[in-house]
Protein backbone atom coordinates (compact mmCIF):
# COMPACT_ATOMS: atom_id res chain seq x y z
CA MET A 1 -70.73 -32.13 -12.74
CA THR A 2 -70.28 -28.46 -13.68
CA GLU A 3 -70.52 -26.53 -10.42
CA PHE A 4 -69.22 -27.33 -6.90
CA ARG A 5 -71.92 -27.34 -4.23
CA PRO A 6 -70.44 -28.31 -0.81
CA SER A 7 -72.23 -30.89 1.29
CA ARG A 8 -70.65 -31.80 4.64
CA PHE A 9 -67.53 -29.89 3.37
CA GLU A 10 -64.38 -30.25 5.45
CA ILE A 11 -62.49 -26.99 5.08
CA LEU A 12 -59.12 -28.59 5.90
CA PRO A 13 -59.22 -32.34 5.09
CA THR A 14 -56.54 -34.73 6.31
CA ILE A 15 -54.23 -35.01 3.28
CA VAL A 16 -54.33 -31.32 2.37
CA LYS A 17 -53.60 -30.43 6.00
CA ASN A 18 -50.68 -32.83 6.26
CA LEU A 19 -49.25 -31.65 2.91
CA LEU A 20 -49.39 -28.05 4.16
CA ILE A 21 -47.56 -29.01 7.35
CA ILE A 22 -44.90 -31.17 5.53
CA ASN A 23 -44.24 -28.46 3.00
CA GLY A 24 -43.94 -25.92 5.79
CA LEU A 25 -41.47 -28.06 7.72
CA PHE A 26 -39.31 -28.57 4.63
CA PHE A 27 -39.31 -24.81 3.96
CA LEU A 28 -38.25 -24.19 7.56
CA ALA A 29 -35.41 -26.75 7.21
CA GLN A 30 -34.31 -25.14 3.95
CA ASN A 31 -33.99 -21.72 5.54
CA THR A 32 -32.41 -23.12 8.68
CA PHE A 33 -29.73 -25.25 7.09
CA LYS A 34 -28.25 -22.89 4.55
CA GLY A 35 -25.41 -20.43 4.25
CA PRO A 36 -21.56 -20.70 3.99
CA SER A 37 -21.25 -22.25 7.42
CA VAL A 38 -23.47 -25.21 6.47
CA SER A 39 -21.72 -28.11 4.71
CA PHE A 40 -24.92 -30.03 3.95
CA SER A 41 -27.07 -28.79 1.07
CA ILE A 42 -30.77 -29.83 1.20
CA GLU A 43 -31.24 -28.80 -2.42
CA ASP A 44 -28.29 -30.86 -3.67
CA VAL A 45 -29.87 -34.03 -2.05
CA LEU A 46 -33.60 -33.48 -2.34
CA ALA A 47 -34.17 -31.04 -5.27
CA LEU A 48 -34.74 -32.57 -8.75
CA HIS A 49 -31.67 -32.60 -10.96
CA ALA A 50 -31.24 -33.55 -14.60
CA TRP A 51 -30.49 -37.18 -15.36
CA GLN A 52 -27.06 -36.05 -16.71
CA SER A 53 -26.12 -34.52 -13.38
CA ASP A 54 -24.02 -36.40 -10.83
CA LEU A 55 -26.41 -35.02 -8.22
CA PHE A 56 -29.45 -36.82 -9.66
CA LYS A 57 -30.99 -39.43 -7.36
CA PRO A 58 -34.30 -41.33 -7.96
CA TRP A 59 -35.95 -40.16 -4.76
CA GLN A 60 -35.73 -36.54 -6.05
CA LEU A 61 -38.75 -37.26 -8.28
CA VAL A 62 -40.79 -37.09 -5.09
CA THR A 63 -38.80 -35.02 -2.60
CA HIS A 64 -38.52 -31.93 -4.96
CA MET A 65 -42.31 -31.42 -4.48
CA PHE A 66 -41.73 -30.41 -0.86
CA LEU A 67 -39.07 -27.72 -1.44
CA HIS A 68 -39.69 -24.14 -2.42
CA GLY A 69 -37.61 -21.12 -3.39
CA ASP A 70 -39.05 -18.38 -1.28
CA LEU A 71 -42.08 -17.28 0.75
CA GLY A 72 -44.07 -16.22 -2.31
CA HIS A 73 -43.38 -19.53 -4.08
CA ILE A 74 -44.62 -21.72 -1.17
CA PHE A 75 -47.53 -19.43 -0.35
CA GLY A 76 -48.84 -19.54 -3.88
CA ASN A 77 -48.61 -23.31 -4.15
CA MET A 78 -50.01 -24.05 -0.79
CA PHE A 79 -52.90 -21.62 -1.19
CA ALA A 80 -53.83 -23.25 -4.54
CA LEU A 81 -53.43 -26.73 -2.93
CA TRP A 82 -55.83 -25.76 -0.10
CA MET A 83 -58.31 -23.96 -2.35
CA PHE A 84 -58.68 -26.65 -5.04
CA GLY A 85 -57.28 -29.69 -3.27
CA SER A 86 -59.72 -29.50 -0.37
CA VAL A 87 -62.65 -29.76 -2.81
CA LEU A 88 -61.14 -32.83 -4.49
CA GLU A 89 -60.24 -34.57 -1.20
CA ASN A 90 -63.79 -34.04 0.09
CA LEU A 91 -65.14 -35.45 -3.19
CA TRP A 92 -62.77 -38.44 -3.56
CA GLY A 93 -61.63 -39.22 -0.07
CA SER A 94 -58.12 -38.99 1.39
CA LYS A 95 -56.55 -42.15 -0.17
CA ARG A 96 -57.58 -41.35 -3.74
CA PHE A 97 -56.58 -37.73 -3.45
CA LEU A 98 -53.11 -38.51 -2.14
CA THR A 99 -52.61 -41.05 -4.95
CA PHE A 100 -53.74 -38.42 -7.50
CA TYR A 101 -51.50 -35.73 -6.05
CA LEU A 102 -48.38 -37.85 -6.06
CA ILE A 103 -48.96 -39.24 -9.56
CA CYS A 104 -49.39 -35.70 -10.87
CA GLY A 105 -46.12 -34.65 -9.20
CA LEU A 106 -44.24 -37.62 -10.59
CA GLY A 107 -45.66 -37.17 -14.02
CA ALA A 108 -44.71 -33.46 -13.97
CA ALA A 109 -41.21 -34.35 -12.91
CA LEU A 110 -40.69 -36.92 -15.65
CA ILE A 111 -42.00 -34.64 -18.42
CA HIS A 112 -39.80 -31.82 -17.10
CA LEU A 113 -36.79 -34.10 -17.15
CA LEU A 114 -37.53 -35.18 -20.73
CA PHE A 115 -37.61 -31.59 -22.00
CA LEU A 116 -34.63 -30.58 -19.82
CA SER A 117 -32.65 -33.49 -21.31
CA TYR A 118 -33.49 -32.25 -24.83
CA GLU A 119 -32.50 -28.72 -23.92
CA LEU A 120 -29.21 -29.86 -22.43
CA MET A 121 -28.11 -31.94 -25.42
CA PRO A 122 -26.44 -29.08 -27.45
CA LEU A 123 -24.62 -27.92 -24.29
CA MET A 124 -23.30 -31.39 -23.63
CA LYS A 125 -22.22 -31.91 -27.18
CA ASP A 126 -20.33 -28.59 -27.28
CA TYR A 127 -18.62 -29.30 -24.03
CA ALA A 128 -17.66 -32.87 -25.15
CA ALA A 129 -15.84 -31.24 -28.09
CA ILE A 130 -13.86 -28.96 -25.77
CA PHE A 131 -13.10 -31.77 -23.37
CA GLN A 132 -11.86 -34.10 -26.13
CA GLN A 133 -9.63 -31.35 -27.71
CA HIS A 134 -8.31 -30.38 -24.29
CA ALA A 135 -7.54 -33.96 -23.29
CA ASP A 136 -5.77 -34.72 -26.60
CA GLY A 137 -4.04 -31.34 -26.92
CA GLY A 138 -5.91 -31.05 -30.25
CA PRO A 139 -5.29 -28.10 -32.62
CA TYR A 140 -8.97 -27.07 -32.57
CA GLN A 141 -9.30 -26.43 -28.90
CA ALA A 142 -9.52 -22.67 -29.34
CA ASP A 143 -12.22 -23.05 -31.98
CA ALA A 144 -14.20 -25.43 -29.73
CA MET A 145 -14.01 -22.92 -26.90
CA ILE A 146 -15.14 -20.05 -29.08
CA ASN A 147 -18.05 -22.15 -30.36
CA PHE A 148 -19.05 -23.06 -26.81
CA ILE A 149 -18.91 -19.47 -25.49
CA SER A 150 -20.90 -18.08 -28.43
CA LYS A 151 -23.61 -20.72 -28.51
CA ASN A 152 -24.17 -21.00 -24.80
CA LYS A 153 -23.99 -17.25 -24.02
CA LEU A 154 -21.46 -17.40 -21.27
CA GLY A 155 -21.59 -14.10 -19.29
CA GLU A 156 -22.66 -10.71 -20.62
CA PRO A 157 -22.18 -9.84 -24.29
CA GLY A 158 -19.18 -7.59 -23.60
CA TYR A 159 -17.46 -10.22 -21.51
CA ARG A 160 -18.08 -12.92 -24.14
CA ASP A 161 -16.48 -10.69 -26.83
CA GLN A 162 -13.46 -10.14 -24.60
CA LEU A 163 -13.01 -13.87 -24.03
CA ILE A 164 -13.39 -14.70 -27.72
CA SER A 165 -10.81 -12.05 -28.66
CA LEU A 166 -8.37 -13.31 -26.00
CA ILE A 167 -8.67 -16.83 -27.36
CA ARG A 168 -8.19 -15.79 -30.96
CA GLU A 169 -5.10 -13.78 -30.10
CA ASN A 170 -3.51 -16.55 -27.95
CA PRO A 171 -4.66 -19.92 -29.37
CA ASN A 172 -1.36 -21.67 -28.47
CA ASP A 173 -1.04 -20.30 -24.84
CA ALA A 174 -1.31 -23.49 -22.81
CA GLY A 175 -1.66 -21.68 -19.50
CA LEU A 176 -4.54 -19.57 -20.80
CA MET A 177 -6.23 -22.59 -22.35
CA ASN A 178 -6.05 -24.46 -19.03
CA LYS A 179 -7.62 -21.57 -17.15
CA LEU A 180 -10.34 -21.12 -19.71
CA PHE A 181 -11.04 -24.87 -19.70
CA GLU A 182 -11.56 -24.72 -15.90
CA GLN A 183 -13.85 -21.71 -16.31
CA LEU A 184 -15.94 -23.31 -19.02
CA THR A 185 -16.11 -26.60 -17.03
CA ALA A 186 -17.47 -24.65 -14.03
CA PHE A 187 -20.06 -23.00 -16.25
CA TYR A 188 -21.04 -26.38 -17.67
CA GLN A 189 -21.37 -28.00 -14.29
CA SER A 190 -23.53 -25.15 -13.02
CA ARG A 191 -25.91 -25.66 -15.97
CA ILE A 192 -26.01 -29.44 -15.64
CA ASN A 193 -26.50 -29.27 -11.92
CA THR A 194 -29.37 -26.76 -12.04
CA SER A 195 -32.05 -27.93 -9.60
CA THR A 196 -35.82 -27.81 -9.86
CA ILE A 197 -38.02 -27.44 -6.74
CA GLY A 198 -41.67 -26.86 -5.93
CA ALA A 199 -45.08 -28.48 -5.72
CA SER A 200 -46.28 -26.57 -8.82
CA GLY A 201 -46.48 -29.65 -11.07
CA ALA A 202 -48.71 -31.56 -8.62
CA VAL A 203 -50.74 -28.39 -7.89
CA PHE A 204 -51.33 -27.84 -11.63
CA GLY A 205 -52.75 -31.36 -11.74
CA VAL A 206 -55.13 -30.48 -8.96
CA LEU A 207 -56.23 -27.31 -10.71
CA ALA A 208 -56.78 -29.20 -14.00
CA ALA A 209 -58.98 -31.75 -12.19
CA PHE A 210 -60.98 -29.02 -10.50
CA VAL A 211 -61.51 -27.21 -13.76
CA TYR A 212 -62.61 -30.38 -15.49
CA LEU A 213 -65.04 -31.36 -12.75
CA PHE A 214 -66.42 -27.91 -11.87
CA PRO A 215 -65.92 -25.79 -14.97
CA ASN A 216 -68.76 -23.34 -14.23
CA THR A 217 -67.85 -22.67 -10.59
CA TYR A 218 -67.00 -19.02 -10.17
CA LEU A 219 -63.52 -18.10 -8.88
CA TYR A 220 -62.96 -14.59 -7.66
CA ILE A 221 -59.79 -12.84 -9.01
CA TYR A 222 -58.40 -10.63 -6.27
CA PHE A 223 -61.50 -11.78 -4.26
CA LEU A 224 -63.58 -9.30 -6.34
CA VAL A 225 -64.00 -10.29 -10.01
CA PRO A 226 -66.02 -13.52 -10.65
CA VAL A 227 -64.68 -15.66 -13.50
CA LYS A 228 -65.70 -19.23 -14.32
CA ALA A 229 -63.06 -21.81 -13.51
CA LYS A 230 -62.91 -23.09 -17.10
CA TRP A 231 -61.80 -19.71 -18.47
CA ILE A 232 -59.16 -19.23 -15.78
CA GLY A 233 -57.89 -22.78 -16.39
CA LEU A 234 -57.67 -22.30 -20.19
CA LEU A 235 -56.00 -18.94 -19.89
CA TYR A 236 -53.46 -20.15 -17.32
CA PHE A 237 -52.62 -23.25 -19.33
CA GLY A 238 -52.27 -21.17 -22.48
CA TYR A 239 -50.02 -18.78 -20.64
CA GLU A 240 -47.71 -21.59 -19.57
CA VAL A 241 -47.60 -23.20 -23.09
CA PHE A 242 -46.79 -19.87 -24.65
CA PHE A 243 -43.79 -19.13 -22.39
CA ALA A 244 -42.60 -22.81 -22.56
CA LEU A 245 -42.46 -22.62 -26.35
CA LYS A 246 -40.97 -19.14 -26.27
CA ASN A 247 -38.17 -20.48 -23.99
CA SER A 248 -37.01 -16.99 -22.90
CA ALA A 249 -33.50 -16.58 -21.58
CA GLY A 250 -33.50 -16.03 -17.88
CA ASP A 251 -36.88 -17.70 -17.34
CA ASN A 252 -36.23 -19.93 -14.30
CA VAL A 253 -39.81 -21.30 -14.13
CA ALA A 254 -40.24 -24.98 -14.97
CA ARG A 255 -42.99 -24.43 -17.46
CA TRP A 256 -43.01 -28.00 -18.79
CA ALA A 257 -43.45 -29.36 -15.24
CA HIS A 258 -46.56 -27.15 -14.97
CA ILE A 259 -47.89 -28.30 -18.32
CA GLY A 260 -47.02 -31.94 -17.55
CA GLY A 261 -48.74 -31.87 -14.19
CA ALA A 262 -51.89 -30.35 -15.73
CA ILE A 263 -51.94 -32.98 -18.55
CA VAL A 264 -51.40 -35.91 -16.19
CA GLY A 265 -54.06 -34.62 -13.81
CA LEU A 266 -56.54 -34.18 -16.65
CA LEU A 267 -55.86 -37.65 -18.04
CA ILE A 268 -56.37 -39.26 -14.60
CA VAL A 269 -59.60 -37.46 -13.86
CA MET A 270 -60.97 -38.14 -17.27
CA THR A 271 -60.17 -41.86 -16.86
CA TRP A 272 -61.73 -41.98 -13.39
CA ASN A 273 -64.77 -40.13 -14.65
CA LYS A 274 -65.22 -42.60 -17.50
CA ASN A 275 -64.89 -45.70 -15.41
CA ASN A 276 -66.73 -44.56 -12.31
CA LYS A 277 -69.95 -42.81 -13.18
CA LYS A 278 -71.33 -43.10 -9.60
CA THR A 279 -68.48 -40.94 -8.23
CA PHE A 280 -68.53 -38.34 -11.07
CA TYR A 281 -72.06 -37.30 -12.02
């Protein structure tokens, strides 16, 4: 199958429609229950957290798929879900499409957690050295703090230099060391407790399946420029891989979740295509 030709096509099939509604309701709840006056944090409970975080709960592997950061985030994901997911649901049926969507989201979350765990290991090791020195009153506490601040880029460069100078000048000041320990602990906790939200992993799986099944279908960039789905898929996947490997500071996009969702989606559709020739021509 290389090009999608609709036959009795349902423009808003059941699962896609309900996913759009559920995501919309979650987004409404996120924006309703937030702010300093609200004691309950939806993100703390439902967003995906690293395994090392005290906030991690197993259900977050699923619930994070229904939370989004802002209007642009949810619109982009839901538009792609409708555009490509409607085709797949019409082709497969509701039950198979929902299974596919959830497995892609779960696979993306697990792959993201694996890479996140790897990225957090140096941070955890550096903090453990500080914690041990602070707890024991060890003589190398100042050195451990300087190492932590330098390697983990706490604050702006000028601020980091000031902190390091202050520590070097006052290595035996217990009051200063206690305050700095609290500050470094807060920084460490903020990094460990960073949350991940969005349906992008599952949606990338949907996109990968569409590209695999209909590689020669034309997609219109900005509704004007026709480009075959296979070229858009390859370019988009390459873009994600490039920035995932680059690992730029300040990049708050879960690139490995996108890549993981696409790989899981591709593996599933290739397996189904191999074992069910009557469904996939």
